[in-house]
Amino acid sequence: MGKYKEHPKYNVLSIRVSDEEKAFLDEISKRERSSITELMREAIRSYVPHLATLQKQH
């Protein structure tokens, strides 16, 4: 059976990036030891401060 998650995420977003943007994301991901997905979540939270507040409530 799959791993249980306390707050599962069901929405999938897809974006297209250039080779240069992908290389940049790969570099940051390695340096930060984080997935690109988590980097993008962090970027969204920093861009929209209200989301960080909502996430803390759940």
Protein backbone atom coordinates (compact mmCIF):
# COMPACT_ATOMS: atom_id res chain seq x y z
CA MET A 1 0.00 0.00 0.00
CA GLY A 2 1.16 3.59 -0.64
CA LYS A 3 2.66 5.88 1.92
CA TYR A 4 0.10 7.88 3.91
CA LYS A 5 0.52 11.65 3.76
CA GLU A 6 -1.02 13.96 6.31
CA HIS A 7 -1.80 16.66 3.73
CA PRO A 8 -1.70 15.05 0.28
CA LYS A 9 -1.48 17.28 -2.79
CA TYR A 10 -3.75 16.31 -5.67
CA ASN A 11 -3.31 19.19 -8.10
CA VAL A 12 -0.72 18.81 -10.83
CA LEU A 13 0.72 21.79 -12.69
CA SER A 14 2.87 21.45 -15.78
CA ILE A 15 5.07 24.17 -17.22
CA ARG A 16 7.46 24.35 -20.13
CA VAL A 17 10.89 25.85 -19.56
CA SER A 18 13.84 26.52 -21.84
CA ASP A 19 16.99 24.41 -21.71
CA GLU A 20 18.69 27.31 -19.92
CA GLU A 21 15.92 27.54 -17.29
CA LYS A 22 16.00 23.76 -16.73
CA ALA A 23 19.78 23.80 -16.29
CA PHE A 24 19.41 26.63 -13.78
CA LEU A 25 16.75 24.70 -11.83
CA ASP A 26 18.89 21.55 -11.88
CA GLU A 27 21.86 23.53 -10.53
CA ILE A 28 19.83 25.10 -7.72
CA SER A 29 18.23 21.74 -6.91
CA LYS A 30 21.63 20.09 -6.47
CA ARG A 31 23.05 23.00 -4.47
CA GLU A 32 20.03 23.17 -2.14
CA ARG A 33 19.62 19.37 -1.99
CA SER A 34 15.95 19.81 -2.77
CA SER A 35 13.65 18.69 -5.56
CA ILE A 36 12.65 21.07 -8.31
CA THR A 37 9.07 20.58 -7.17
CA GLU A 38 9.90 21.82 -3.68
CA LEU A 39 11.88 24.74 -5.12
CA MET A 40 8.86 25.74 -7.20
CA ARG A 41 6.54 25.49 -4.18
CA GLU A 42 8.91 27.71 -2.23
CA ALA A 43 9.03 30.21 -5.11
CA ILE A 44 5.23 30.33 -5.28
CA ARG A 45 4.98 30.83 -1.51
CA SER A 46 7.49 33.68 -1.61
CA TYR A 47 5.76 35.29 -4.60
CA VAL A 48 2.33 35.09 -2.99
CA PRO A 49 2.90 35.68 0.77
CA HIS A 50 -0.76 34.94 1.53
CA LEU A 51 -0.19 31.29 0.55
CA ALA A 52 2.38 30.83 3.31
CA THR A 53 -0.23 32.00 5.83
CA LEU A 54 -2.85 29.62 4.44
CA GLN A 55 -0.44 26.69 4.52
CA LYS A 56 0.40 27.25 8.19
CA GLN A 57 -3.30 27.01 9.06
CA HIS A 58 -3.58 23.45 7.67
